[in-house]
Amino acid sequence: MKAEEFDKKFEEGQDISAYLDLSKATRPGLEQQRVNVDFPRWMLHALDKEAKRLGVPRQSIIKVWIAERLAKQSK
C-alpha cells in the first residue's frame, strides 16, 4: 500500500491497525532504565502508607511525584 492510500484511510477514520507492525513500535523518550535509589526507612514507610491508601504500588507513587516535580520545574 502506498503512503497516500494509508494516509487517506487514516484521515477517513478507517481501522488501519491491520497495516501496522506493532511488534516493532517504540515510544521515543519513554524507554525504561532501571536505577537504584536509597531511601531512609521513614520515607519508605510514608511512601508505602500513601501507596496503600491509593491502592497502587510504591513505584507508581515515586514515578508520579517525580514527574510532577520535574514538570513544575520546567515551567
PDB file of N, CA and C in Angstrom:
ATOM      1  N   MET A   1       0.842  -1.171   0.000  1.00  0.00           N
ATOM      2  CA  MET A   1       0.000   0.000   0.000  1.00  0.00           C
ATOM      3  C   MET A   1       0.892   1.241   0.000  1.00  0.00           C
ATOM      4  N   LYS A   2       0.515   2.191  -0.783  1.00  0.00           N
ATOM      5  CA  LYS A   2       1.268   3.432  -0.852  1.00  0.00           C
ATOM      6  C   LYS A   2       0.892   4.334   0.315  1.00  0.00           C
ATOM      7  N   ALA A   3       1.807   5.222   0.660  1.00  0.00           N
ATOM      8  CA  ALA A   3       1.606   6.115   1.799  1.00  0.00           C
ATOM      9  C   ALA A   3       0.349   6.969   1.626  1.00  0.00           C
ATOM     10  N   GLU A   4       0.087   7.406   0.406  1.00  0.00           N
ATOM     11  CA  GLU A   4      -1.092   8.241   0.166  1.00  0.00           C
ATOM     12  C   GLU A   4      -2.371   7.482   0.497  1.00  0.00           C
ATOM     13  N   GLU A   5      -2.438   6.209   0.106  1.00  0.00           N
ATOM     14  CA  GLU A   5      -3.619   5.388   0.384  1.00  0.00           C
ATOM     15  C   GLU A   5      -3.764   5.149   1.892  1.00  0.00           C
ATOM     16  N   PHE A   6      -2.639   4.877   2.557  1.00  0.00           N
ATOM     17  CA  PHE A   6      -2.638   4.684   4.005  1.00  0.00           C
ATOM     18  C   PHE A   6      -3.133   5.940   4.707  1.00  0.00           C
ATOM     19  N   ASP A   7      -2.585   7.086   4.312  1.00  0.00           N
ATOM     20  CA  ASP A   7      -2.988   8.369   4.898  1.00  0.00           C
ATOM     21  C   ASP A   7      -4.478   8.627   4.689  1.00  0.00           C
ATOM     22  N   LYS A   8      -4.977   8.304   3.508  1.00  0.00           N
ATOM     23  CA  LYS A   8      -6.388   8.527   3.203  1.00  0.00           C
ATOM     24  C   LYS A   8      -7.273   7.684   4.121  1.00  0.00           C
ATOM     25  N   LYS A   9      -6.913   6.400   4.295  1.00  0.00           N
ATOM     26  CA  LYS A   9      -7.676   5.528   5.189  1.00  0.00           C
ATOM     27  C   LYS A   9      -7.675   6.089   6.611  1.00  0.00           C
ATOM     28  N   PHE A  10      -6.508   6.536   7.050  1.00  0.00           N
ATOM     29  CA  PHE A  10      -6.390   7.099   8.401  1.00  0.00           C
ATOM     30  C   PHE A  10      -7.256   8.344   8.541  1.00  0.00           C
ATOM     31  N   GLU A  11      -7.156   9.255   7.576  1.00  0.00           N
ATOM     32  CA  GLU A  11      -7.908  10.507   7.613  1.00  0.00           C
ATOM     33  C   GLU A  11      -9.415  10.264   7.593  1.00  0.00           C
ATOM     34  N   GLU A  12      -9.843   9.182   6.937  1.00  0.00           N
ATOM     35  CA  GLU A  12     -11.270   8.847   6.863  1.00  0.00           C
ATOM     36  C   GLU A  12     -11.749   8.120   8.109  1.00  0.00           C
ATOM     37  N   GLY A  13     -10.824   7.849   9.028  1.00  0.00           N
ATOM     38  CA  GLY A  13     -11.206   7.185  10.272  1.00  0.00           C
ATOM     39  C   GLY A  13     -11.319   5.679  10.169  1.00  0.00           C
ATOM     40  N   GLN A  14     -10.799   5.109   9.087  1.00  0.00           N
ATOM     41  CA  GLN A  14     -10.841   3.659   8.930  1.00  0.00           C
ATOM     42  C   GLN A  14      -9.838   2.997   9.869  1.00  0.00           C
ATOM     43  N   ASP A  15     -10.086   1.746  10.189  1.00  0.00           N
ATOM     44  CA  ASP A  15      -9.179   0.976  11.041  1.00  0.00           C
ATOM     45  C   ASP A  15      -7.937   0.606  10.224  1.00  0.00           C
ATOM     46  N   ILE A  16      -6.788   1.141  10.624  1.00  0.00           N
ATOM     47  CA  ILE A  16      -5.548   0.885   9.892  1.00  0.00           C
ATOM     48  C   ILE A  16      -4.631  -0.077  10.650  1.00  0.00           C
ATOM     49  N   SER A  17      -5.112  -0.618  11.760  1.00  0.00           N
ATOM     50  CA  SER A  17      -4.267  -1.466  12.607  1.00  0.00           C
ATOM     51  C   SER A  17      -3.750  -2.700  11.871  1.00  0.00           C
ATOM     52  N   ALA A  18      -4.486  -3.198  10.909  1.00  0.00           N
ATOM     53  CA  ALA A  18      -4.041  -4.374  10.157  1.00  0.00           C
ATOM     54  C   ALA A  18      -2.799  -4.076   9.316  1.00  0.00           C
ATOM     55  N   TYR A  19      -2.548  -2.813   9.062  1.00  0.00           N
ATOM     56  CA  TYR A  19      -1.412  -2.412   8.227  1.00  0.00           C
ATOM     57  C   TYR A  19      -0.176  -2.054   9.043  1.00  0.00           C
ATOM     58  N   LEU A  20      -0.274  -2.151  10.358  1.00  0.00           N
ATOM     59  CA  LEU A  20       0.829  -1.763  11.223  1.00  0.00           C
ATOM     60  C   LEU A  20       1.494  -2.980  11.848  1.00  0.00           C
ATOM     61  N   ASP A  21       2.806  -2.945  11.980  1.00  0.00           N
ATOM     62  CA  ASP A  21       3.563  -3.980  12.687  1.00  0.00           C
ATOM     63  C   ASP A  21       3.909  -3.417  14.059  1.00  0.00           C
ATOM     64  N   LEU A  22       3.016  -3.634  15.025  1.00  0.00           N
ATOM     65  CA  LEU A  22       3.186  -3.058  16.353  1.00  0.00           C
ATOM     66  C   LEU A  22       4.274  -3.745  17.165  1.00  0.00           C
ATOM     67  N   SER A  23       4.769  -4.881  16.704  1.00  0.00           N
ATOM     68  CA  SER A  23       5.843  -5.563  17.433  1.00  0.00           C
ATOM     69  C   SER A  23       7.141  -4.760  17.399  1.00  0.00           C
ATOM     70  N   LYS A  24       7.238  -3.836  16.467  1.00  0.00           N
ATOM     71  CA  LYS A  24       8.441  -3.017  16.347  1.00  0.00           C
ATOM     72  C   LYS A  24       8.197  -1.571  16.771  1.00  0.00           C
ATOM     73  N   ALA A  25       7.030  -1.292  17.314  1.00  0.00           N
ATOM     74  CA  ALA A  25       6.689   0.067  17.713  1.00  0.00           C
ATOM     75  C   ALA A  25       7.493   0.477  18.948  1.00  0.00           C
ATOM     76  N   THR A  26       7.899   1.728  18.976  1.00  0.00           N
ATOM     77  CA  THR A  26       8.620   2.272  20.125  1.00  0.00           C
ATOM     78  C   THR A  26       7.997   3.603  20.508  1.00  0.00           C
ATOM     79  N   ARG A  27       8.295   4.025  21.717  1.00  0.00           N
ATOM     80  CA  ARG A  27       7.836   5.324  22.202  1.00  0.00           C
ATOM     81  C   ARG A  27       9.077   6.121  22.564  1.00  0.00           C
ATOM     82  N   PRO A  28       9.602   6.884  21.626  1.00  0.00           N
ATOM     83  CA  PRO A  28      10.847   7.616  21.872  1.00  0.00           C
ATOM     84  C   PRO A  28      10.767   8.475  23.125  1.00  0.00           C
ATOM     85  N   GLY A  29      11.821   8.413  23.903  1.00  0.00           N
ATOM     86  CA  GLY A  29      11.894   9.184  25.126  1.00  0.00           C
ATOM     87  C   GLY A  29      11.227   8.518  26.313  1.00  0.00           C
ATOM     88  N   LEU A  30      10.552   7.391  26.096  1.00  0.00           N
ATOM     89  CA  LEU A  30       9.863   6.701  27.182  1.00  0.00           C
ATOM     90  C   LEU A  30      10.470   5.328  27.472  1.00  0.00           C
ATOM     91  N   GLU A  31      11.659   5.066  26.922  1.00  0.00           N
ATOM     92  CA  GLU A  31      12.324   3.806  27.205  1.00  0.00           C
ATOM     93  C   GLU A  31      12.625   3.733  28.698  1.00  0.00           C
ATOM     94  N   GLN A  32      12.522   2.553  29.245  1.00  0.00           N
ATOM     95  CA  GLN A  32      12.753   2.366  30.669  1.00  0.00           C
ATOM     96  C   GLN A  32      14.235   2.130  30.949  1.00  0.00           C
ATOM     97  N   GLN A  33      14.705   2.631  32.065  1.00  0.00           N
ATOM     98  CA  GLN A  33      16.057   2.366  32.527  1.00  0.00           C
ATOM     99  C   GLN A  33      15.993   2.223  34.042  1.00  0.00           C
ATOM    100  N   ARG A  34      16.517   1.140  34.529  1.00  0.00           N
ATOM    101  CA  ARG A  34      16.470   0.856  35.957  1.00  0.00           C
ATOM    102  C   ARG A  34      17.534   1.667  36.695  1.00  0.00           C
ATOM    103  N   VAL A  35      17.130   2.212  37.848  1.00  0.00           N
ATOM    104  CA  VAL A  35      18.057   2.921  38.723  1.00  0.00           C
ATOM    105  C   VAL A  35      17.840   2.436  40.153  1.00  0.00           C
ATOM    106  N   ASN A  36      18.862   2.528  40.938  1.00  0.00           N
ATOM    107  CA  ASN A  36      18.763   2.182  42.358  1.00  0.00           C
ATOM    108  C   ASN A  36      18.856   3.460  43.173  1.00  0.00           C
ATOM    109  N   VAL A  37      17.917   3.619  44.098  1.00  0.00           N
ATOM    110  CA  VAL A  37      17.893   4.796  44.953  1.00  0.00           C
ATOM    111  C   VAL A  37      17.720   4.318  46.387  1.00  0.00           C
ATOM    112  N   ASP A  38      18.533   4.842  47.274  1.00  0.00           N
ATOM    113  CA  ASP A  38      18.418   4.501  48.689  1.00  0.00           C
ATOM    114  C   ASP A  38      17.557   5.558  49.380  1.00  0.00           C
ATOM    115  N   PHE A  39      16.550   5.090  50.133  1.00  0.00           N
ATOM    116  CA  PHE A  39      15.666   5.968  50.884  1.00  0.00           C
ATOM    117  C   PHE A  39      15.783   5.646  52.368  1.00  0.00           C
ATOM    118  N   PRO A  40      15.656   6.632  53.224  1.00  0.00           N
ATOM    119  CA  PRO A  40      15.595   6.340  54.656  1.00  0.00           C
ATOM    120  C   PRO A  40      14.292   5.573  54.956  1.00  0.00           C
ATOM    121  N   ARG A  41      14.307   4.775  56.004  1.00  0.00           N
ATOM    122  CA  ARG A  41      13.143   3.940  56.326  1.00  0.00           C
ATOM    123  C   ARG A  41      11.883   4.756  56.556  1.00  0.00           C
ATOM    124  N   TRP A  42      12.009   5.915  57.206  1.00  0.00           N
ATOM    125  CA  TRP A  42      10.811   6.716  57.457  1.00  0.00           C
ATOM    126  C   TRP A  42      10.131   7.108  56.157  1.00  0.00           C
ATOM    127  N   MET A  43      10.962   7.364  55.127  1.00  0.00           N
ATOM    128  CA  MET A  43      10.415   7.758  53.841  1.00  0.00           C
ATOM    129  C   MET A  43       9.713   6.583  53.165  1.00  0.00           C
ATOM    130  N   LEU A  44      10.305   5.409  53.264  1.00  0.00           N
ATOM    131  CA  LEU A  44       9.673   4.214  52.699  1.00  0.00           C
ATOM    132  C   LEU A  44       8.343   3.926  53.382  1.00  0.00           C
ATOM    133  N   HIS A  45       8.300   4.076  54.699  1.00  0.00           N
ATOM    134  CA  HIS A  45       7.046   3.858  55.419  1.00  0.00           C
ATOM    135  C   HIS A  45       5.979   4.839  54.942  1.00  0.00           C
ATOM    136  N   ALA A  46       6.369   6.103  54.775  1.00  0.00           N
ATOM    137  CA  ALA A  46       5.414   7.110  54.302  1.00  0.00           C
ATOM    138  C   ALA A  46       4.961   6.806  52.873  1.00  0.00           C
ATOM    139  N   LEU A  47       5.890   6.397  52.021  1.00  0.00           N
ATOM    140  CA  LEU A  47       5.536   6.028  50.646  1.00  0.00           C
ATOM    141  C   LEU A  47       4.592   4.832  50.625  1.00  0.00           C
ATOM    142  N   ASP A  48       4.899   3.829  51.447  1.00  0.00           N
ATOM    143  CA  ASP A  48       4.057   2.634  51.490  1.00  0.00           C
ATOM    144  C   ASP A  48       2.659   2.951  52.008  1.00  0.00           C
ATOM    145  N   LYS A  49       2.568   3.835  52.980  1.00  0.00           N
ATOM    146  CA  LYS A  49       1.273   4.226  53.531  1.00  0.00           C
ATOM    147  C   LYS A  49       0.423   4.911  52.457  1.00  0.00           C
ATOM    148  N   GLU A  50       1.050   5.831  51.721  1.00  0.00           N
ATOM    149  CA  GLU A  50       0.329   6.535  50.658  1.00  0.00           C
ATOM    150  C   GLU A  50      -0.039   5.594  49.517  1.00  0.00           C
ATOM    151  N   ALA A  51       0.864   4.695  49.163  1.00  0.00           N
ATOM    152  CA  ALA A  51       0.586   3.730  48.099  1.00  0.00           C
ATOM    153  C   ALA A  51      -0.588   2.833  48.487  1.00  0.00           C
ATOM    154  N   LYS A  52      -0.606   2.400  49.728  1.00  0.00           N
ATOM    155  CA  LYS A  52      -1.705   1.548  50.199  1.00  0.00           C
ATOM    156  C   LYS A  52      -3.022   2.324  50.170  1.00  0.00           C
ATOM    157  N   ARG A  53      -2.988   3.583  50.593  1.00  0.00           N
ATOM    158  CA  ARG A  53      -4.192   4.409  50.589  1.00  0.00           C
ATOM    159  C   ARG A  53      -4.765   4.545  49.181  1.00  0.00           C
ATOM    160  N   LEU A  54      -3.879   4.698  48.204  1.00  0.00           N
ATOM    161  CA  LEU A  54      -4.308   4.868  46.814  1.00  0.00           C
ATOM    162  C   LEU A  54      -4.503   3.546  46.073  1.00  0.00           C
ATOM    163  N   GLY A  55      -4.030   2.452  46.663  1.00  0.00           N
ATOM    164  CA  GLY A  55      -4.166   1.144  46.025  1.00  0.00           C
ATOM    165  C   GLY A  55      -3.254   0.954  44.835  1.00  0.00           C
ATOM    166  N   VAL A  56      -2.057   1.519  44.924  1.00  0.00           N
ATOM    167  CA  VAL A  56      -1.084   1.396  43.837  1.00  0.00           C
ATOM    168  C   VAL A  56       0.261   0.963  44.412  1.00  0.00           C
ATOM    169  N   PRO A  57       1.162   0.457  43.586  1.00  0.00           N
ATOM    170  CA  PRO A  57       2.495   0.090  44.074  1.00  0.00           C
ATOM    171  C   PRO A  57       3.322   1.320  44.457  1.00  0.00           C
ATOM    172  N   ARG A  58       4.261   1.115  45.342  1.00  0.00           N
ATOM    173  CA  ARG A  58       5.176   2.178  45.782  1.00  0.00           C
ATOM    174  C   ARG A  58       5.848   2.850  44.589  1.00  0.00           C
ATOM    175  N   GLN A  59       6.270   2.057  43.631  1.00  0.00           N
ATOM    176  CA  GLN A  59       6.982   2.590  42.466  1.00  0.00           C
ATOM    177  C   GLN A  59       6.122   3.603  41.708  1.00  0.00           C
ATOM    178  N   SER A  60       4.826   3.371  41.652  1.00  0.00           N
ATOM    179  CA  SER A  60       3.936   4.298  40.960  1.00  0.00           C
ATOM    180  C   SER A  60       3.919   5.653  41.639  1.00  0.00           C
ATOM    181  N   ILE A  61       3.853   5.658  42.964  1.00  0.00           N
ATOM    182  CA  ILE A  61       3.870   6.921  43.710  1.00  0.00           C
ATOM    183  C   ILE A  61       5.155   7.684  43.414  1.00  0.00           C
ATOM    184  N   ILE A  62       6.267   6.983  43.470  1.00  0.00           N
ATOM    185  CA  ILE A  62       7.563   7.627  43.241  1.00  0.00           C
ATOM    186  C   ILE A  62       7.618   8.231  41.836  1.00  0.00           C
ATOM    187  N   LYS A  63       7.204   7.473  40.831  1.00  0.00           N
ATOM    188  CA  LYS A  63       7.249   7.961  39.455  1.00  0.00           C
ATOM    189  C   LYS A  63       6.357   9.183  39.256  1.00  0.00           C
ATOM    190  N   VAL A  64       5.147   9.127  39.780  1.00  0.00           N
ATOM    191  CA  VAL A  64       4.211  10.239  39.604  1.00  0.00           C
ATOM    192  C   VAL A  64       4.724  11.486  40.299  1.00  0.00           C
ATOM    193  N   TRP A  65       5.190  11.345  41.532  1.00  0.00           N
ATOM    194  CA  TRP A  65       5.657  12.513  42.275  1.00  0.00           C
ATOM    195  C   TRP A  65       6.889  13.140  41.624  1.00  0.00           C
ATOM    196  N   ILE A  66       7.799  12.315  41.153  1.00  0.00           N
ATOM    197  CA  ILE A  66       8.983  12.855  40.478  1.00  0.00           C
ATOM    198  C   ILE A  66       8.583  13.531  39.170  1.00  0.00           C
ATOM    199  N   ALA A  67       7.685  12.914  38.415  1.00  0.00           N
ATOM    200  CA  ALA A  67       7.222  13.506  37.143  1.00  0.00           C
ATOM    201  C   ALA A  67       6.537  14.851  37.398  1.00  0.00           C
ATOM    202  N   GLU A  68       5.720  14.922  38.452  1.00  0.00           N
ATOM    203  CA  GLU A  68       5.060  16.189  38.782  1.00  0.00           C
ATOM    204  C   GLU A  68       6.078  17.270  39.124  1.00  0.00           C
ATOM    205  N   ARG A  69       7.061  16.913  39.890  1.00  0.00           N
ATOM    206  CA  ARG A  69       8.086  17.895  40.293  1.00  0.00           C
ATOM    207  C   ARG A  69       8.892  18.367  39.084  1.00  0.00           C
ATOM    208  N   LEU A  70       9.259  17.445  38.207  1.00  0.00           N
ATOM    209  CA  LEU A  70      10.025  17.814  37.018  1.00  0.00           C
ATOM    210  C   LEU A  70       9.198  18.710  36.107  1.00  0.00           C
ATOM    211  N   ALA A  71       7.921  18.409  35.961  1.00  0.00           N
ATOM    212  CA  ALA A  71       7.038  19.242  35.132  1.00  0.00           C
ATOM    213  C   ALA A  71       6.935  20.646  35.729  1.00  0.00           C
ATOM    214  N   LYS A  72       6.824  20.715  37.044  1.00  0.00           N
ATOM    215  CA  LYS A  72       6.733  22.011  37.716  1.00  0.00           C
ATOM    216  C   LYS A  72       8.024  22.808  37.529  1.00  0.00           C
ATOM    217  N   GLN A  73       9.159  22.139  37.622  1.00  0.00           N
ATOM    218  CA  GLN A  73      10.466  22.799  37.483  1.00  0.00           C
ATOM    219  C   GLN A  73      10.685  23.323  36.065  1.00  0.00           C
ATOM    220  N   SER A  74      10.119  22.657  35.068  1.00  0.00           N
ATOM    221  CA  SER A  74      10.375  23.048  33.681  1.00  0.00           C
ATOM    222  C   SER A  74       9.515  24.216  33.232  1.00  0.00           C
ATOM    223  N   LYS A  75       8.578  24.657  34.082  1.00  0.00           N
ATOM    224  CA  LYS A  75       7.710  25.796  33.713  1.00  0.00           C
ATOM    225  C   LYS A  75       8.408  27.117  33.932  1.00  0.00           C
TER     226      LYS A  75
END
